[in-house]
All heavy atoms as atom14 arrays in JSON, in Angstrom:
{
  "sequence": "TELGLIGDEAYAREYVRTRLATKPVSREHLRMQLLAHEADEAAID",
  "atom14_mask": [
    [1, 1, 1, 1, 1, 1, 1, 0, 0, 0, 0, 0, 0, 0],
    [1, 1, 1, 1, 1, 1, 1, 1, 1, 0, 0, 0, 0, 0],
    [1, 1, 1, 1, 1, 1, 1, 1, 0, 0, 0, 0, 0, 0],
    [1, 1, 1, 1, 0, 0, 0, 0, 0, 0, 0, 0, 0, 0],
    [1, 1, 1, 1, 1, 1, 1, 1, 0, 0, 0, 0, 0, 0],
    [1, 1, 1, 1, 1, 1, 1, 1, 0, 0, 0, 0, 0, 0],
    [1, 1, 1, 1, 0, 0, 0, 0, 0, 0, 0, 0, 0, 0],
    [1, 1, 1, 1, 1, 1, 1, 1, 0, 0, 0, 0, 0, 0],
    [1, 1, 1, 1, 1, 1, 1, 1, 1, 0, 0, 0, 0, 0],
    [1, 1, 1, 1, 1, 0, 0, 0, 0, 0, 0, 0, 0, 0],
    [1, 1, 1, 1, 1, 1, 1, 1, 1, 1, 1, 1, 0, 0],
    [1, 1, 1, 1, 1, 0, 0, 0, 0, 0, 0, 0, 0, 0],
    [1, 1, 1, 1, 1, 1, 1, 1, 1, 1, 1, 0, 0, 0],
    [1, 1, 1, 1, 1, 1, 1, 1, 1, 0, 0, 0, 0, 0],
    [1, 1, 1, 1, 1, 1, 1, 1, 1, 1, 1, 1, 0, 0],
    [1, 1, 1, 1, 1, 1, 1, 0, 0, 0, 0, 0, 0, 0],
    [1, 1, 1, 1, 1, 1, 1, 1, 1, 1, 1, 0, 0, 0],
    [1, 1, 1, 1, 1, 1, 1, 0, 0, 0, 0, 0, 0, 0],
    [1, 1, 1, 1, 1, 1, 1, 1, 1, 1, 1, 0, 0, 0],
    [1, 1, 1, 1, 1, 1, 1, 1, 0, 0, 0, 0, 0, 0],
    [1, 1, 1, 1, 1, 0, 0, 0, 0, 0, 0, 0, 0, 0],
    [1, 1, 1, 1, 1, 1, 1, 0, 0, 0, 0, 0, 0, 0],
    [1, 1, 1, 1, 1, 1, 1, 1, 1, 0, 0, 0, 0, 0],
    [1, 1, 1, 1, 1, 1, 1, 0, 0, 0, 0, 0, 0, 0],
    [1, 1, 1, 1, 1, 1, 1, 0, 0, 0, 0, 0, 0, 0],
    [1, 1, 1, 1, 1, 1, 0, 0, 0, 0, 0, 0, 0, 0],
    [1, 1, 1, 1, 1, 1, 1, 1, 1, 1, 1, 0, 0, 0],
    [1, 1, 1, 1, 1, 1, 1, 1, 1, 0, 0, 0, 0, 0],
    [1, 1, 1, 1, 1, 1, 1, 1, 1, 1, 0, 0, 0, 0],
    [1, 1, 1, 1, 1, 1, 1, 1, 0, 0, 0, 0, 0, 0],
    [1, 1, 1, 1, 1, 1, 1, 1, 1, 1, 1, 0, 0, 0],
    [1, 1, 1, 1, 1, 1, 1, 1, 0, 0, 0, 0, 0, 0],
    [1, 1, 1, 1, 1, 1, 1, 1, 1, 0, 0, 0, 0, 0],
    [1, 1, 1, 1, 1, 1, 1, 1, 0, 0, 0, 0, 0, 0],
    [1, 1, 1, 1, 1, 1, 1, 1, 0, 0, 0, 0, 0, 0],
    [1, 1, 1, 1, 1, 0, 0, 0, 0, 0, 0, 0, 0, 0],
    [1, 1, 1, 1, 1, 1, 1, 1, 1, 1, 0, 0, 0, 0],
    [1, 1, 1, 1, 1, 1, 1, 1, 1, 0, 0, 0, 0, 0],
    [1, 1, 1, 1, 1, 0, 0, 0, 0, 0, 0, 0, 0, 0],
    [1, 1, 1, 1, 1, 1, 1, 1, 0, 0, 0, 0, 0, 0],
    [1, 1, 1, 1, 1, 1, 1, 1, 1, 0, 0, 0, 0, 0],
    [1, 1, 1, 1, 1, 0, 0, 0, 0, 0, 0, 0, 0, 0],
    [1, 1, 1, 1, 1, 0, 0, 0, 0, 0, 0, 0, 0, 0],
    [1, 1, 1, 1, 1, 1, 1, 1, 0, 0, 0, 0, 0, 0],
    [1, 1, 1, 1, 1, 1, 1, 1, 0, 0, 0, 0, 0, 0]
  ],
  "atom14_positions": [
    [[-3.35, 93.45, 141.94], [-3.03, 93.62, 140.53], [-2.25, 94.91, 140.33], [-1.22, 94.91, 139.58], [-4.33, 93.63, 139.7], [-5.01, 92.43, 139.92], [-4.05, 93.84, 138.21], [0.0, 0.0, 0.0], [0.0, 0.0, 0.0], [0.0, 0.0, 0.0], [0.0, 0.0, 0.0], [0.0, 0.0, 0.0], [0.0, 0.0, 0.0], [0.0, 0.0, 0.0]],
    [[-2.67, 96.0, 140.98], [-2.01, 97.29, 140.9], [-0.54, 97.15, 141.4], [0.35, 97.76, 140.8], [-2.76, 98.28, 141.74], [-2.22, 99.7, 141.79], [-3.04, 100.54, 142.76], [-4.28, 100.54, 142.66], [-2.43, 101.22, 143.53], [0.0, 0.0, 0.0], [0.0, 0.0, 0.0], [0.0, 0.0, 0.0], [0.0, 0.0, 0.0], [0.0, 0.0, 0.0]],
    [[-0.33, 96.38, 142.42], [1.03, 96.19, 142.98], [1.9, 95.21, 142.16], [3.04, 95.01, 142.45], [0.92, 95.7, 144.39], [0.37, 96.69, 145.42], [0.11, 96.01, 146.76], [1.29, 97.87, 145.6], [0.0, 0.0, 0.0], [0.0, 0.0, 0.0], [0.0, 0.0, 0.0], [0.0, 0.0, 0.0], [0.0, 0.0, 0.0], [0.0, 0.0, 0.0]],
    [[1.21, 94.56, 141.19], [1.92, 93.57, 140.37], [2.14, 92.23, 141.01], [2.95, 91.4, 140.56], [0.0, 0.0, 0.0], [0.0, 0.0, 0.0], [0.0, 0.0, 0.0], [0.0, 0.0, 0.0], [0.0, 0.0, 0.0], [0.0, 0.0, 0.0], [0.0, 0.0, 0.0], [0.0, 0.0, 0.0], [0.0, 0.0, 0.0], [0.0, 0.0, 0.0]],
    [[1.39, 91.95, 142.06], [1.51, 90.68, 142.81], [0.68, 89.56, 142.15], [0.96, 88.41, 142.36], [1.17, 90.86, 144.25], [2.1, 91.76, 145.04], [1.58, 92.03, 146.45], [3.51, 91.23, 145.07], [0.0, 0.0, 0.0], [0.0, 0.0, 0.0], [0.0, 0.0, 0.0], [0.0, 0.0, 0.0], [0.0, 0.0, 0.0], [0.0, 0.0, 0.0]],
    [[-0.37, 89.97, 141.43], [-1.14, 88.98, 140.67], [-1.45, 89.62, 139.3], [-1.48, 90.8, 139.15], [-2.47, 88.56, 141.33], [-3.38, 89.76, 141.57], [-2.2, 87.8, 142.64], [-4.8, 89.4, 142.11], [0.0, 0.0, 0.0], [0.0, 0.0, 0.0], [0.0, 0.0, 0.0], [0.0, 0.0, 0.0], [0.0, 0.0, 0.0], [0.0, 0.0, 0.0]],
    [[-1.59, 88.75, 138.34], [-1.89, 89.18, 136.99], [-1.84, 87.98, 136.04], [-0.84, 87.23, 136.09], [0.0, 0.0, 0.0], [0.0, 0.0, 0.0], [0.0, 0.0, 0.0], [0.0, 0.0, 0.0], [0.0, 0.0, 0.0], [0.0, 0.0, 0.0], [0.0, 0.0, 0.0], [0.0, 0.0, 0.0], [0.0, 0.0, 0.0], [0.0, 0.0, 0.0]],
    [[-2.85, 87.75, 135.36], [-2.95, 86.54, 134.52], [-1.92, 86.48, 133.4], [-1.41, 85.42, 133.07], [-4.35, 86.35, 133.97], [-5.35, 85.9, 135.03], [-4.94, 85.76, 136.17], [-6.51, 85.67, 134.67], [0.0, 0.0, 0.0], [0.0, 0.0, 0.0], [0.0, 0.0, 0.0], [0.0, 0.0, 0.0], [0.0, 0.0, 0.0], [0.0, 0.0, 0.0]],
    [[-1.6, 87.65, 132.83], [-0.57, 87.65, 131.75], [0.81, 87.19, 132.24], [1.42, 86.32, 131.64], [-0.49, 89.01, 131.06], [-1.63, 89.3, 130.18], [-1.47, 90.65, 129.43], [-0.34, 91.18, 129.41], [-2.47, 91.08, 128.87], [0.0, 0.0, 0.0], [0.0, 0.0, 0.0], [0.0, 0.0, 0.0], [0.0, 0.0, 0.0], [0.0, 0.0, 0.0]],
    [[1.21, 87.77, 133.32], [2.52, 87.4, 133.9], [2.5, 85.94, 134.42], [3.46, 85.17, 134.2], [2.89, 88.33, 135.04], [0.0, 0.0, 0.0], [0.0, 0.0, 0.0], [0.0, 0.0, 0.0], [0.0, 0.0, 0.0], [0.0, 0.0, 0.0], [0.0, 0.0, 0.0], [0.0, 0.0, 0.0], [0.0, 0.0, 0.0], [0.0, 0.0, 0.0]],
    [[1.38, 85.55, 134.98], [1.25, 84.17, 135.45], [1.35, 83.2, 134.33], [2.13, 82.2, 134.4], [-0.11, 84.0, 136.2], [-0.32, 82.59, 136.64], [0.16, 82.17, 137.9], [-1.02, 81.67, 135.85], [-0.04, 80.85, 138.3], [-1.18, 80.36, 136.26], [-0.73, 79.98, 137.47], [-0.9, 78.65, 137.88], [0.0, 0.0, 0.0], [0.0, 0.0, 0.0]],
    [[0.62, 83.46, 133.24], [0.61, 82.55, 132.1], [1.99, 82.43, 131.49], [2.44, 81.32, 131.12], [-0.47, 82.95, 131.12], [0.0, 0.0, 0.0], [0.0, 0.0, 0.0], [0.0, 0.0, 0.0], [0.0, 0.0, 0.0], [0.0, 0.0, 0.0], [0.0, 0.0, 0.0], [0.0, 0.0, 0.0], [0.0, 0.0, 0.0], [0.0, 0.0, 0.0]],
    [[2.61, 83.57, 131.26], [3.97, 83.57, 130.67], [4.95, 82.79, 131.5], [5.69, 81.96, 131.02], [4.5, 84.99, 130.46], [4.03, 85.6, 129.17], [4.86, 86.86, 128.82], [4.95, 87.82, 129.9], [4.09, 88.77, 130.16], [3.0, 88.88, 129.42], [4.26, 89.62, 131.13], [0.0, 0.0, 0.0], [0.0, 0.0, 0.0], [0.0, 0.0, 0.0]],
    [[4.96, 83.03, 132.83], [5.88, 82.3, 133.7], [5.5, 80.82, 133.78], [6.4, 79.98, 133.79], [5.79, 82.95, 135.1], [6.76, 82.33, 136.12], [8.2, 82.44, 135.71], [8.57, 83.29, 134.84], [9.0, 81.73, 136.28], [0.0, 0.0, 0.0], [0.0, 0.0, 0.0], [0.0, 0.0, 0.0], [0.0, 0.0, 0.0], [0.0, 0.0, 0.0]],
    [[4.21, 80.52, 133.77], [3.77, 79.09, 133.83], [4.33, 78.35, 132.62], [4.89, 77.27, 132.7], [2.29, 79.01, 133.9], [1.75, 77.62, 134.09], [1.55, 77.11, 135.35], [1.51, 76.79, 133.03], [1.12, 75.83, 135.58], [1.1, 75.46, 133.16], [0.88, 75.0, 134.44], [0.43, 73.71, 134.62], [0.0, 0.0, 0.0], [0.0, 0.0, 0.0]],
    [[4.15, 78.94, 131.4], [4.59, 78.34, 130.19], [6.13, 78.17, 130.2], [6.66, 77.11, 129.87], [4.16, 79.17, 128.94], [4.86, 78.72, 127.65], [2.63, 79.06, 128.76], [0.0, 0.0, 0.0], [0.0, 0.0, 0.0], [0.0, 0.0, 0.0], [0.0, 0.0, 0.0], [0.0, 0.0, 0.0], [0.0, 0.0, 0.0], [0.0, 0.0, 0.0]],
    [[6.84, 79.2, 130.63], [8.3, 79.18, 130.66], [8.8, 78.01, 131.58], [9.62, 77.21, 131.18], [8.87, 80.51, 131.11], [10.39, 80.57, 131.0], [10.94, 81.82, 131.63], [10.78, 81.88, 133.09], [11.49, 81.13, 133.94], [12.41, 80.28, 133.49], [11.29, 81.23, 135.25], [0.0, 0.0, 0.0], [0.0, 0.0, 0.0], [0.0, 0.0, 0.0]],
    [[8.28, 77.98, 132.8], [8.78, 76.97, 133.77], [8.3, 75.58, 133.38], [9.08, 74.62, 133.53], [8.33, 77.31, 135.22], [6.92, 77.41, 135.27], [8.96, 78.61, 135.69], [0.0, 0.0, 0.0], [0.0, 0.0, 0.0], [0.0, 0.0, 0.0], [0.0, 0.0, 0.0], [0.0, 0.0, 0.0], [0.0, 0.0, 0.0], [0.0, 0.0, 0.0]],
    [[7.12, 75.48, 132.89], [6.62, 74.16, 132.48], [7.44, 73.58, 131.38], [7.77, 72.38, 131.42], [5.11, 74.26, 132.09], [4.48, 72.97, 131.7], [4.29, 72.1, 132.94], [3.47, 71.01, 132.55], [3.57, 69.78, 132.95], [4.45, 69.49, 133.89], [2.76, 68.86, 132.51], [0.0, 0.0, 0.0], [0.0, 0.0, 0.0], [0.0, 0.0, 0.0]],
    [[7.74, 74.38, 130.38], [8.53, 73.86, 129.26], [9.97, 73.56, 129.67], [10.61, 72.7, 129.08], [8.51, 74.85, 128.08], [7.15, 74.97, 127.39], [7.19, 76.02, 126.28], [6.67, 73.69, 126.87], [0.0, 0.0, 0.0], [0.0, 0.0, 0.0], [0.0, 0.0, 0.0], [0.0, 0.0, 0.0], [0.0, 0.0, 0.0], [0.0, 0.0, 0.0]],
    [[10.48, 74.29, 130.66], [11.81, 74.0, 131.14], [11.92, 72.73, 132.01], [12.93, 72.08, 132.02], [12.34, 75.17, 131.97], [0.0, 0.0, 0.0], [0.0, 0.0, 0.0], [0.0, 0.0, 0.0], [0.0, 0.0, 0.0], [0.0, 0.0, 0.0], [0.0, 0.0, 0.0], [0.0, 0.0, 0.0], [0.0, 0.0, 0.0], [0.0, 0.0, 0.0]],
    [[10.83, 72.41, 132.69], [10.85, 71.27, 133.58], [10.25, 69.98, 133.0], [10.74, 68.89, 133.25], [10.14, 71.56, 134.9], [8.78, 71.98, 134.64], [10.82, 72.69, 135.64], [0.0, 0.0, 0.0], [0.0, 0.0, 0.0], [0.0, 0.0, 0.0], [0.0, 0.0, 0.0], [0.0, 0.0, 0.0], [0.0, 0.0, 0.0], [0.0, 0.0, 0.0]],
    [[9.12, 70.1, 132.3], [8.45, 68.95, 131.71], [7.76, 69.39, 130.44], [6.57, 69.71, 130.5], [7.48, 68.39, 132.74], [6.85, 67.08, 132.29], [5.94, 66.48, 133.37], [5.34, 65.19, 132.9], [4.4, 64.68, 133.91], [0.0, 0.0, 0.0], [0.0, 0.0, 0.0], [0.0, 0.0, 0.0], [0.0, 0.0, 0.0], [0.0, 0.0, 0.0]],
    [[8.47, 69.38, 129.3], [7.88, 69.87, 128.08], [6.6, 69.18, 127.69], [6.48, 67.94, 127.77], [8.97, 69.64, 127.05], [10.22, 69.51, 127.77], [9.83, 68.94, 129.15], [0.0, 0.0, 0.0], [0.0, 0.0, 0.0], [0.0, 0.0, 0.0], [0.0, 0.0, 0.0], [0.0, 0.0, 0.0], [0.0, 0.0, 0.0], [0.0, 0.0, 0.0]],
    [[5.61, 69.96, 127.27], [4.33, 69.47, 126.78], [3.93, 70.33, 125.61], [4.52, 71.38, 125.38], [3.23, 69.49, 127.87], [3.52, 68.5, 129.02], [3.0, 70.88, 128.42], [0.0, 0.0, 0.0], [0.0, 0.0, 0.0], [0.0, 0.0, 0.0], [0.0, 0.0, 0.0], [0.0, 0.0, 0.0], [0.0, 0.0, 0.0], [0.0, 0.0, 0.0]],
    [[2.9, 69.93, 124.91], [2.47, 70.67, 123.73], [1.73, 71.96, 124.1], [1.33, 72.12, 125.26], [1.52, 69.81, 122.91], [0.31, 69.66, 123.61], [0.0, 0.0, 0.0], [0.0, 0.0, 0.0], [0.0, 0.0, 0.0], [0.0, 0.0, 0.0], [0.0, 0.0, 0.0], [0.0, 0.0, 0.0], [0.0, 0.0, 0.0], [0.0, 0.0, 0.0]],
    [[1.56, 72.85, 123.09], [0.8, 74.06, 123.34], [-0.58, 73.76, 123.82], [-1.11, 74.41, 124.72], [0.74, 74.87, 122.06], [2.01, 75.68, 121.72], [1.76, 76.59, 120.53], [1.43, 75.87, 119.32], [2.26, 75.58, 118.38], [3.48, 76.05, 118.38], [1.87, 74.93, 117.32], [0.0, 0.0, 0.0], [0.0, 0.0, 0.0], [0.0, 0.0, 0.0]],
    [[-1.22, 72.78, 123.19], [-2.6, 72.46, 123.56], [-2.71, 71.95, 125.01], [-3.62, 72.27, 125.71], [-3.16, 71.41, 122.62], [-4.69, 71.22, 122.73], [-5.48, 72.51, 122.65], [-5.14, 73.41, 121.84], [-6.46, 72.65, 123.39], [0.0, 0.0, 0.0], [0.0, 0.0, 0.0], [0.0, 0.0, 0.0], [0.0, 0.0, 0.0], [0.0, 0.0, 0.0]],
    [[-1.68, 71.18, 125.43], [-1.65, 70.67, 126.82], [-1.48, 71.85, 127.77], [-2.11, 71.94, 128.81], [-0.52, 69.66, 126.95], [-0.66, 68.72, 128.03], [-1.4, 67.57, 127.93], [-0.21, 68.75, 129.33], [-1.38, 66.89, 129.1], [-0.66, 67.62, 129.96], [0.0, 0.0, 0.0], [0.0, 0.0, 0.0], [0.0, 0.0, 0.0], [0.0, 0.0, 0.0]],
    [[-0.61, 72.8, 127.4], [-0.39, 73.98, 128.23], [-1.71, 74.78, 128.36], [-2.04, 75.3, 129.4], [0.69, 74.83, 127.64], [2.1, 74.33, 127.84], [3.1, 75.09, 126.98], [2.55, 74.49, 129.33], [0.0, 0.0, 0.0], [0.0, 0.0, 0.0], [0.0, 0.0, 0.0], [0.0, 0.0, 0.0], [0.0, 0.0, 0.0], [0.0, 0.0, 0.0]],
    [[-2.38, 74.91, 127.19], [-3.67, 75.64, 127.23], [-4.64, 74.98, 128.2], [-5.26, 75.71, 129.01], [-4.28, 75.66, 125.82], [-5.7, 76.31, 125.78], [-6.23, 76.37, 124.37], [-5.43, 77.12, 123.47], [-5.34, 78.48, 123.46], [-6.01, 79.15, 124.37], [-4.56, 79.08, 122.59], [0.0, 0.0, 0.0], [0.0, 0.0, 0.0], [0.0, 0.0, 0.0]],
    [[-4.78, 73.68, 128.19], [-5.67, 73.03, 129.1], [-5.29, 73.23, 130.58], [-6.13, 73.45, 131.42], [-5.76, 71.51, 128.76], [-6.46, 71.26, 127.48], [-6.73, 69.47, 127.12], [-5.09, 68.82, 127.23], [0.0, 0.0, 0.0], [0.0, 0.0, 0.0], [0.0, 0.0, 0.0], [0.0, 0.0, 0.0], [0.0, 0.0, 0.0], [0.0, 0.0, 0.0]],
    [[-3.99, 73.18, 130.82], [-3.48, 73.38, 132.18], [-3.74, 74.81, 132.66], [-4.19, 75.04, 133.83], [-2.0, 73.04, 132.26], [-1.69, 71.61, 132.12], [-0.23, 71.31, 132.05], [0.59, 72.16, 131.66], [0.15, 70.08, 132.44], [0.0, 0.0, 0.0], [0.0, 0.0, 0.0], [0.0, 0.0, 0.0], [0.0, 0.0, 0.0], [0.0, 0.0, 0.0]],
    [[-3.53, 75.79, 131.81], [-3.79, 77.18, 132.17], [-5.29, 77.43, 132.36], [-5.68, 78.18, 133.27], [-3.2, 78.14, 131.16], [-1.67, 78.28, 131.25], [-1.12, 78.92, 129.99], [-1.26, 79.01, 132.47], [0.0, 0.0, 0.0], [0.0, 0.0, 0.0], [0.0, 0.0, 0.0], [0.0, 0.0, 0.0], [0.0, 0.0, 0.0], [0.0, 0.0, 0.0]],
    [[-6.11, 76.79, 131.53], [-7.55, 76.95, 131.71], [-8.01, 76.34, 133.06], [-8.88, 76.83, 133.72], [-8.34, 76.29, 130.56], [-8.29, 77.05, 129.26], [-8.89, 76.2, 128.15], [-9.02, 78.35, 129.39], [0.0, 0.0, 0.0], [0.0, 0.0, 0.0], [0.0, 0.0, 0.0], [0.0, 0.0, 0.0], [0.0, 0.0, 0.0], [0.0, 0.0, 0.0]],
    [[-7.34, 75.23, 133.45], [-7.66, 74.64, 134.75], [-7.29, 75.57, 135.91], [-7.92, 75.54, 136.96], [-6.91, 73.34, 134.92], [0.0, 0.0, 0.0], [0.0, 0.0, 0.0], [0.0, 0.0, 0.0], [0.0, 0.0, 0.0], [0.0, 0.0, 0.0], [0.0, 0.0, 0.0], [0.0, 0.0, 0.0], [0.0, 0.0, 0.0], [0.0, 0.0, 0.0]],
    [[-6.33, 76.44, 135.69], [-5.94, 77.46, 136.72], [-6.79, 78.7, 136.57], [-6.58, 79.67, 137.28], [-4.48, 77.83, 136.6], [-3.55, 76.77, 137.1], [-3.17, 76.64, 138.38], [-2.91, 75.76, 136.45], [-2.4, 75.61, 138.55], [-2.17, 75.05, 137.37], [0.0, 0.0, 0.0], [0.0, 0.0, 0.0], [0.0, 0.0, 0.0], [0.0, 0.0, 0.0]],
    [[-7.73, 78.68, 135.62], [-8.69, 79.73, 135.39], [-8.01, 81.04, 134.98], [-8.43, 82.14, 135.34], [-9.61, 80.0, 136.59], [-10.37, 78.73, 136.94], [-11.29, 78.93, 138.14], [-12.42, 79.38, 137.89], [-10.87, 78.61, 139.27], [0.0, 0.0, 0.0], [0.0, 0.0, 0.0], [0.0, 0.0, 0.0], [0.0, 0.0, 0.0], [0.0, 0.0, 0.0]],
    [[-6.9, 80.93, 134.22], [-6.27, 82.14, 133.67], [-7.15, 82.71, 132.55], [-7.91, 81.98, 131.9], [-4.9, 81.77, 133.12], [0.0, 0.0, 0.0], [0.0, 0.0, 0.0], [0.0, 0.0, 0.0], [0.0, 0.0, 0.0], [0.0, 0.0, 0.0], [0.0, 0.0, 0.0], [0.0, 0.0, 0.0], [0.0, 0.0, 0.0], [0.0, 0.0, 0.0]],
    [[-7.03, 84.0, 132.34], [-7.77, 84.69, 131.29], [-7.39, 84.2, 129.9], [-6.18, 83.97, 129.66], [-7.45, 86.21, 131.47], [-8.16, 87.01, 130.38], [-9.37, 87.13, 130.43], [-7.43, 87.55, 129.52], [0.0, 0.0, 0.0], [0.0, 0.0, 0.0], [0.0, 0.0, 0.0], [0.0, 0.0, 0.0], [0.0, 0.0, 0.0], [0.0, 0.0, 0.0]],
    [[-8.36, 83.98, 129.05], [-8.11, 83.42, 127.7], [-7.12, 84.3, 126.91], [-6.24, 83.73, 126.23], [-9.41, 83.3, 126.93], [-10.35, 82.28, 127.49], [-10.36, 80.99, 126.74], [-9.65, 80.86, 125.73], [-11.11, 80.12, 127.11], [0.0, 0.0, 0.0], [0.0, 0.0, 0.0], [0.0, 0.0, 0.0], [0.0, 0.0, 0.0], [0.0, 0.0, 0.0]],
    [[-7.22, 85.59, 127.02], [-6.35, 86.48, 126.26], [-4.9, 86.32, 126.8], [-3.94, 86.31, 126.01], [-6.78, 87.93, 126.38], [0.0, 0.0, 0.0], [0.0, 0.0, 0.0], [0.0, 0.0, 0.0], [0.0, 0.0, 0.0], [0.0, 0.0, 0.0], [0.0, 0.0, 0.0], [0.0, 0.0, 0.0], [0.0, 0.0, 0.0], [0.0, 0.0, 0.0]],
    [[-4.75, 86.16, 128.1], [-3.41, 85.98, 128.69], [-2.83, 84.65, 128.22], [-1.63, 84.57, 127.98], [-3.54, 86.02, 130.23], [0.0, 0.0, 0.0], [0.0, 0.0, 0.0], [0.0, 0.0, 0.0], [0.0, 0.0, 0.0], [0.0, 0.0, 0.0], [0.0, 0.0, 0.0], [0.0, 0.0, 0.0], [0.0, 0.0, 0.0], [0.0, 0.0, 0.0]],
    [[-3.66, 83.62, 128.16], [-3.23, 82.3, 127.69], [-2.76, 82.39, 126.26], [-1.64, 81.94, 125.94], [-4.35, 81.25, 127.81], [-4.66, 81.0, 129.32], [-3.96, 79.95, 127.13], [-5.89, 80.14, 129.54], [0.0, 0.0, 0.0], [0.0, 0.0, 0.0], [0.0, 0.0, 0.0], [0.0, 0.0, 0.0], [0.0, 0.0, 0.0], [0.0, 0.0, 0.0]],
    [[-3.54, 83.04, 125.39], [-3.17, 83.15, 123.97], [-1.84, 83.93, 123.84], [-1.01, 83.53, 123.04], [-4.27, 83.9, 123.19], [-5.52, 83.06, 123.08], [-5.44, 81.78, 123.19], [-6.62, 83.63, 122.79], [0.0, 0.0, 0.0], [0.0, 0.0, 0.0], [0.0, 0.0, 0.0], [0.0, 0.0, 0.0], [0.0, 0.0, 0.0], [0.0, 0.0, 0.0]]
  ]
}
């Protein structure tokens, strides 16, 4: 985390960006997918 190699905020932002660019889904669908990856709720929001 200190090295910036993992972090839920960056992961969630990148996941949303790439997911919407490749296969658009709703915000709620994205939320469920990010929860399945066990991302932090605040990062998801």
